Protein backbone atom coordinates (compact mmCIF):
# COMPACT_ATOMS: atom_id res chain seq x y z
CA MET A 1 28.33 -15.72 -20.19
CA GLU A 2 29.09 -14.78 -16.59
CA VAL A 3 27.26 -15.58 -13.36
CA LYS A 4 25.76 -12.08 -13.25
CA ASP A 5 24.22 -12.71 -16.69
CA ILE A 6 22.68 -15.94 -15.41
CA PHE A 7 21.16 -14.12 -12.45
CA GLU A 8 19.77 -11.56 -14.88
CA LEU A 9 18.06 -14.37 -16.81
CA ARG A 10 16.61 -15.61 -13.52
CA LYS A 11 15.41 -12.12 -12.68
CA GLN A 12 13.64 -11.99 -16.04
CA GLY A 13 11.87 -15.26 -15.26
CA LYS A 14 13.85 -17.22 -17.86
CA ILE A 15 14.42 -20.15 -15.52
CA GLU A 16 15.13 -22.83 -18.13
CA GLU A 17 17.68 -20.63 -19.91
CA ALA A 18 19.38 -19.80 -16.62
CA TYR A 19 19.45 -23.48 -15.64
CA ASN A 20 20.94 -24.58 -18.96
CA ALA A 21 23.59 -21.88 -18.66
CA ILE A 22 24.67 -22.55 -15.07
CA ARG A 23 24.94 -26.34 -15.29
CA PRO A 24 28.06 -26.55 -17.50
CA MET A 25 29.57 -23.56 -15.73
CA TYR A 26 29.12 -25.21 -12.31
CA ALA A 27 30.40 -28.56 -13.62
CA ALA A 28 33.59 -26.87 -14.81
CA HIS A 29 34.18 -24.73 -11.74
CA LYS A 30 32.50 -25.15 -8.36
CA GLY A 31 33.46 -21.74 -7.09
CA HIS A 32 31.77 -19.39 -4.64
CA TYR A 33 29.49 -17.62 -7.12
CA THR A 34 28.78 -20.59 -9.38
CA THR A 35 27.72 -22.63 -6.34
CA ILE A 36 25.37 -19.90 -5.14
CA ALA A 37 23.90 -19.53 -8.62
CA MET A 38 23.48 -23.30 -8.99
CA PHE A 39 21.64 -23.45 -5.66
CA TRP A 40 19.19 -20.60 -6.25
CA ILE A 41 18.42 -21.58 -9.83
CA GLY A 42 18.15 -25.22 -8.77
CA VAL A 43 15.43 -24.23 -6.30
CA ASP A 44 13.57 -22.38 -9.06
CA VAL A 45 13.76 -25.36 -11.41
CA MET A 46 12.67 -27.78 -8.69
CA ARG A 47 9.53 -25.72 -8.08
CA LEU A 48 8.92 -25.51 -11.82
CA ARG A 49 9.24 -29.27 -12.26
CA TYR A 50 6.70 -29.89 -9.50
CA LYS A 51 4.29 -27.49 -11.18
CA GLN A 52 4.88 -29.34 -14.45
CA ARG A 53 4.09 -32.60 -12.60
CA ARG A 54 7.54 -33.96 -13.48
CA LEU A 55 7.68 -35.34 -9.97
CA GLU A 56 10.60 -37.74 -10.20
CA GLU A 57 12.84 -35.13 -11.77
CA ALA A 58 11.71 -32.54 -9.22
CA TYR A 59 12.58 -34.78 -6.29
CA LYS A 60 16.01 -35.57 -7.76
CA LEU A 61 16.63 -31.84 -7.96
CA PHE A 62 15.67 -31.47 -4.31
CA GLN A 63 18.11 -34.25 -3.38
CA SER A 64 20.79 -32.42 -5.35
CA LEU A 65 20.06 -29.24 -3.41
CA LEU A 66 20.54 -31.12 -0.14
CA ARG A 67 23.99 -32.22 -1.32
CA LEU A 68 24.83 -28.78 -2.66
CA TYR A 69 23.81 -26.65 0.30
CA PRO A 70 26.57 -27.75 2.74
CA THR A 71 29.19 -26.69 0.17
CA MET A 72 27.75 -23.18 -0.14
CA ASP A 73 28.69 -20.09 1.83
CA ASP A 74 25.49 -19.12 3.63
CA SER A 75 26.56 -16.72 6.34
CA SER A 76 23.29 -14.79 5.97
CA LEU A 77 21.29 -18.05 6.37
CA SER A 78 19.07 -17.01 3.48
CA GLY A 79 19.97 -20.28 1.78
CA GLN A 80 18.86 -22.24 4.84
CA ALA A 81 15.49 -20.48 4.83
CA THR A 82 15.12 -21.18 1.12
CA LEU A 83 16.03 -24.84 1.61
CA LEU A 84 13.34 -25.09 4.29
CA ARG A 85 10.77 -23.54 1.97
CA ALA A 86 11.86 -26.01 -0.69
CA ALA A 87 11.35 -28.89 1.76
CA MET A 88 7.86 -27.62 2.60
CA PHE A 89 7.13 -27.34 -1.11
CA VAL A 90 8.21 -30.97 -1.60
CA PHE A 91 6.03 -32.06 1.33
CA ASP A 92 3.03 -30.28 -0.17
CA HIS A 93 3.50 -32.08 -3.48
CA ASP A 94 4.90 -35.49 -2.53
CA THR A 95 3.01 -37.75 -0.11
CA ASN A 96 6.08 -39.97 0.29
CA PHE A 97 8.27 -37.18 1.64
CA SER A 98 8.51 -36.92 5.43
CA ILE A 99 8.99 -33.35 6.61
CA LEU A 100 9.29 -34.71 10.15
CA ASN A 101 12.27 -36.89 9.28
CA PHE A 102 13.82 -34.07 7.26
CA VAL A 103 13.60 -31.64 10.18
CA LEU A 104 15.08 -34.19 12.59
CA GLU A 105 17.87 -35.39 10.30
CA TRP A 106 18.99 -31.85 9.52
CA ASP A 107 18.41 -30.65 13.09
CA ILE A 108 16.62 -27.74 11.47
CA ILE A 109 14.47 -26.54 14.32
CA THR A 110 17.41 -25.58 16.55
CA LYS A 111 19.19 -23.78 13.71
CA LEU A 112 16.38 -21.30 13.14
CA THR A 113 17.13 -17.71 14.07
CA ASP A 114 14.90 -15.56 16.27
CA ASP A 115 13.75 -13.76 13.12
CA ASP A 116 12.60 -17.09 11.69
CA TRP A 117 10.03 -17.25 14.50
CA LEU A 118 8.63 -13.77 13.89
CA MET A 119 5.44 -13.15 11.96
CA SER A 120 5.66 -10.84 8.98
CA GLU A 121 3.20 -8.95 6.83
CA SER A 122 2.32 -9.03 3.15
CA ASN A 123 -0.14 -6.64 1.52
CA GLY A 124 -1.52 -5.76 4.92
CA HIS A 125 -2.10 -9.39 5.91
CA PRO A 126 -0.17 -11.26 8.63
CA VAL A 127 2.14 -14.01 7.40
CA GLN A 128 2.99 -16.94 9.63
CA SER A 129 6.63 -17.22 10.63
CA LEU A 130 8.92 -19.67 8.86
CA GLY A 131 9.30 -21.63 12.09
CA MET A 132 5.56 -22.00 12.59
CA ARG A 133 5.05 -23.01 8.96
CA ILE A 134 7.55 -25.83 9.44
CA VAL A 135 5.91 -26.92 12.70
CA GLY A 136 2.53 -26.81 10.97
CA ARG A 137 3.72 -29.17 8.24
CA VAL A 138 5.26 -31.50 10.83
CA PHE A 139 1.98 -31.81 12.71
CA LYS A 140 0.00 -32.20 9.53
CA GLU A 141 2.11 -35.31 8.97
CA VAL A 142 1.61 -36.44 12.58
CA GLU A 143 -2.14 -35.95 12.22
CA GLY A 144 -2.08 -38.23 9.17
CA LYS A 145 -0.14 -40.91 11.08
CA PRO A 146 -1.18 -40.47 14.73
CA THR A 147 1.08 -43.05 16.35
CA VAL A 148 3.00 -42.84 19.61
CA GLU A 149 6.26 -43.09 17.67
CA MET A 150 5.33 -40.09 15.52
CA ALA A 151 4.22 -38.07 18.55
CA LEU A 152 7.48 -38.76 20.38
CA LYS A 153 9.52 -37.76 17.33
CA ALA A 154 7.57 -34.53 16.94
CA ALA A 155 7.59 -33.60 20.64
CA PRO A 156 11.06 -31.91 20.65
CA ILE A 157 10.04 -29.82 17.64
CA LEU A 158 6.91 -28.68 19.46
CA ALA A 159 8.95 -27.95 22.59
CA GLU A 160 11.15 -25.57 20.60
CA ALA A 161 8.10 -23.90 19.06
CA LEU A 162 6.55 -23.43 22.50
CA LYS A 163 9.70 -21.64 23.68
CA HIS A 164 9.14 -18.99 21.05
CA SER A 165 5.33 -18.89 21.01
CA PRO A 166 3.94 -20.53 24.17
CA TYR A 167 0.45 -19.09 23.76
CA ASN A 168 0.16 -19.58 20.02
CA LEU A 169 -3.20 -21.18 19.28
CA ASN A 170 -1.78 -23.72 16.84
CA ASN A 171 1.01 -24.71 19.22
CA GLN A 172 -1.61 -25.40 21.87
CA ARG A 173 -3.58 -27.48 19.37
CA TYR A 174 -0.46 -29.49 18.52
CA LYS A 175 0.17 -29.99 22.23
CA ALA A 176 -3.36 -31.34 22.60
CA MET A 177 -2.75 -33.62 19.62
CA VAL A 178 0.33 -35.10 21.30
CA TYR A 179 -1.58 -35.61 24.56
CA SER A 180 -4.41 -37.32 22.70
CA ILE A 181 -2.08 -39.68 20.83
CA MET A 182 -0.26 -40.51 24.06
CA GLY A 183 -3.56 -41.54 25.66
CA LYS A 184 -3.95 -38.42 27.81
CA ARG A 185 -7.31 -37.43 26.38
CA ASN A 186 -8.44 -35.41 29.41
CA LYS A 187 -5.36 -33.19 29.22
CA ALA A 188 -6.07 -32.60 25.54
CA ILE A 189 -9.70 -31.73 26.33
CA ASN A 190 -8.62 -29.26 29.02
CA ILE A 191 -6.40 -27.43 26.54
CA TYR A 192 -9.33 -26.93 24.18
CA ARG A 193 -11.62 -25.80 26.97
CA HIS A 194 -9.09 -23.21 28.10
CA LEU A 195 -8.65 -21.96 24.54
CA LEU A 196 -12.40 -21.73 23.97
CA ARG A 197 -12.89 -19.50 26.99
CA THR A 198 -11.32 -16.66 25.04
CA ARG A 199 -11.13 -17.82 21.41
CA HIS A 200 -14.33 -18.88 19.71
CA LYS A 201 -12.79 -20.57 16.69
CA SER A 202 -14.64 -23.11 14.57
CA VAL A 203 -11.64 -25.43 14.38
CA LEU A 204 -11.40 -25.60 18.18
CA TYR A 205 -15.04 -26.64 18.58
CA LYS A 206 -14.67 -29.17 15.78
CA GLU A 207 -11.52 -30.78 17.16
CA LEU A 208 -12.92 -30.88 20.68
CA SER A 209 -16.05 -32.62 19.36
CA VAL A 210 -13.79 -35.46 18.22
CA LEU A 211 -12.21 -35.82 21.66
CA VAL A 212 -15.35 -35.90 23.81
CA VAL A 213 -17.24 -39.17 24.22
CA GLU A 214 -20.79 -38.08 25.05
CA GLN A 215 -22.96 -37.87 21.92
CA PRO A 216 -25.09 -34.90 23.09
CA LEU A 217 -21.92 -32.94 23.78
CA LYS A 218 -20.48 -33.90 20.40
CA ILE A 219 -23.64 -32.55 18.78
CA ALA A 220 -23.51 -29.33 20.78
CA LEU A 221 -19.85 -28.72 19.92
CA LEU A 222 -20.43 -29.42 16.25
CA THR A 223 -23.26 -26.87 16.12
CA ARG A 224 -20.85 -24.31 17.57
CA ALA A 225 -18.23 -25.28 14.99
CA ILE A 226 -20.78 -24.64 12.25
CA ALA A 227 -22.09 -21.41 13.78
CA THR A 228 -18.60 -19.91 14.14
CA GLN A 229 -17.54 -20.84 10.60
CA ARG A 230 -18.63 -18.06 8.25
CA ASP A 231 -17.98 -19.78 4.95
CA GLU A 232 -20.72 -22.24 4.02
CA LYS A 233 -18.24 -24.05 1.79
CA PHE A 234 -16.34 -25.10 4.91
CA ARG A 235 -19.47 -25.78 6.91
CA GLN A 236 -20.90 -28.40 4.57
CA ARG A 237 -18.82 -31.39 5.74
CA MET A 238 -19.61 -30.59 9.38
CA ARG A 239 -23.30 -30.30 8.52
CA PHE A 240 -23.17 -33.80 7.07
CA GLN A 241 -21.57 -35.13 10.26
CA LEU A 242 -24.18 -33.37 12.36
CA ALA A 243 -27.04 -34.66 10.22
CA ASN A 244 -25.83 -38.21 10.81
CA MET A 245 -25.69 -37.64 14.56
CA LEU A 246 -29.17 -36.12 14.63
CA PHE A 247 -30.77 -38.76 12.40
CA ASN A 248 -32.05 -41.03 15.16
CA THR A 249 -33.19 -38.39 17.65
CA HIS A 250 -33.89 -35.12 15.80
CA LYS A 251 -34.86 -35.95 12.23
CA PRO A 252 -36.25 -32.49 11.28
CA TYR A 253 -32.94 -30.91 12.29
CA ALA A 254 -31.03 -33.67 10.52
CA LYS A 255 -32.93 -32.87 7.34
CA TYR A 256 -32.18 -29.17 7.73
CA GLU A 257 -28.46 -29.90 7.99
CA ILE A 258 -28.28 -32.31 5.07
CA GLU A 259 -30.21 -29.91 2.84
CA LYS A 260 -27.79 -27.12 3.72
CA CYS A 261 -24.88 -29.47 3.13
CA ILE A 262 -26.03 -30.54 -0.32
CA SER A 263 -26.92 -26.97 -1.30
CA ALA A 264 -23.44 -25.74 -0.32
CA ARG A 265 -21.72 -28.56 -2.18
CA LYS A 266 -23.71 -27.84 -5.33
CA ALA A 267 -22.84 -24.14 -5.08
CA ALA A 268 -19.16 -25.03 -4.71
CA LYS A 269 -19.44 -27.57 -7.56
CA TYR A 270 -18.47 -30.44 -5.27
CA ALA A 271 -19.75 -33.94 -5.93
CA ILE A 272 -22.64 -35.17 -3.79
CA THR A 273 -21.37 -38.37 -2.22
CA TRP A 274 -23.41 -41.56 -2.10
CA GLU A 275 -23.58 -41.31 1.70
CA MET A 276 -25.00 -37.80 1.52
CA GLN A 277 -27.57 -38.73 -1.10
CA ASN A 278 -28.57 -41.81 0.86
CA LEU A 279 -29.08 -39.81 4.06
CA SER A 280 -31.14 -37.28 2.16
CA ASN A 281 -33.31 -40.05 0.71
CA CYS A 282 -33.86 -41.56 4.17
CA LEU A 283 -35.21 -38.19 5.34
CA LYS A 284 -37.38 -37.64 2.29
CA GLU A 285 -40.68 -37.96 4.18
CA VAL A 286 -39.54 -35.81 7.12
CA SER A 287 -40.52 -32.15 7.41
CA THR A 288 -37.51 -29.85 7.61
CA ALA A 289 -37.07 -27.87 10.81
CA SER A 290 -38.03 -24.22 10.37
CA GLU A 291 -35.44 -21.46 10.57
CA ILE A 292 -36.92 -20.34 13.90
CA ASP A 293 -36.76 -23.84 15.36
CA HIS A 294 -33.28 -24.36 13.99
CA ARG A 295 -32.07 -21.10 15.53
CA ALA A 296 -33.57 -22.05 18.88
CA PHE A 297 -31.91 -25.47 18.69
CA TYR A 298 -28.51 -23.90 18.04
CA GLN A 299 -29.00 -21.45 20.90
CA ALA A 300 -29.77 -24.31 23.27
CA GLN A 301 -26.63 -26.13 22.12
CA ALA A 302 -24.56 -22.98 22.62
CA ALA A 303 -25.68 -22.85 26.26
CA ILE A 304 -24.61 -26.47 26.75
CA VAL A 305 -21.17 -25.76 25.30
CA GLU A 306 -20.69 -22.58 27.32
CA LYS A 307 -21.42 -24.43 30.55
CA TYR A 308 -19.05 -27.25 29.59
CA VAL A 309 -16.21 -24.93 28.62
CA LYS A 310 -16.43 -22.93 31.84
CA ALA A 311 -16.60 -25.97 34.13
CA ILE A 312 -13.58 -26.97 36.21
CA ASP A 313 -10.85 -28.96 34.49
CA ILE A 314 -11.16 -32.70 34.09
CA LEU A 315 -8.59 -34.58 36.17
């Protein structure tokens, strides 16, 4: 069997057969084509092992790919892009893997080409650039461990991303995240307020509601986050938060929100948590706000948010 036959097996989706064929061939001769074949098929098998939940074996394969890649001719840099996708795949499946450390250790972010920062299209839908997907994973990790050390490590990666996409909404969100972690909350708030003047995104209202201190403003922002999120499945958790905030001062509206929350979770076949059930029980004797009253309440909150967003920046 020759290397071209192994690639044909891979093309046919016969990953295990291709893997079993290339291993002895690569062990006997680590040439140009056998190395390339070992790399590409190794990536396929790594993905397969993760899907099979053979996690330890999958991670060992990834480690092998890291050792193999520097020995491979990759003048087109397609191997680099594939290795990055493999690293993101590992991060998505292994909570112990640090994509931040990987990017820093391999100095990946500065090795990306201009094309790696360009959006593409698939079936008529925009696809985020490879660079932004990496940055997104990095800041997902930072969000999970929001320490000054993590923010400082991630800052150079964000700086590179901002060079290529300075006005990208997510890059601005990550910038606000760094400011917030570093104790510069007002700067983070100003970023969100600037974004919300032109982009009425649910995630922006939601994240800003976490940053502000005043409870009435938190409530107003959360209502906007709910109103601008079309999918009830994604609204339900925010409705629960809002119901808790409204419990002491606006019980009819709190009941409206918790009822909507529970209804959405049942429709999505999500479990009703003890906290949700308990809140619902506490509001059992309360009359639910009418649709008209609820709409008027949301409109009043929208006016509060609009005024806040358009106000001068906080120093």
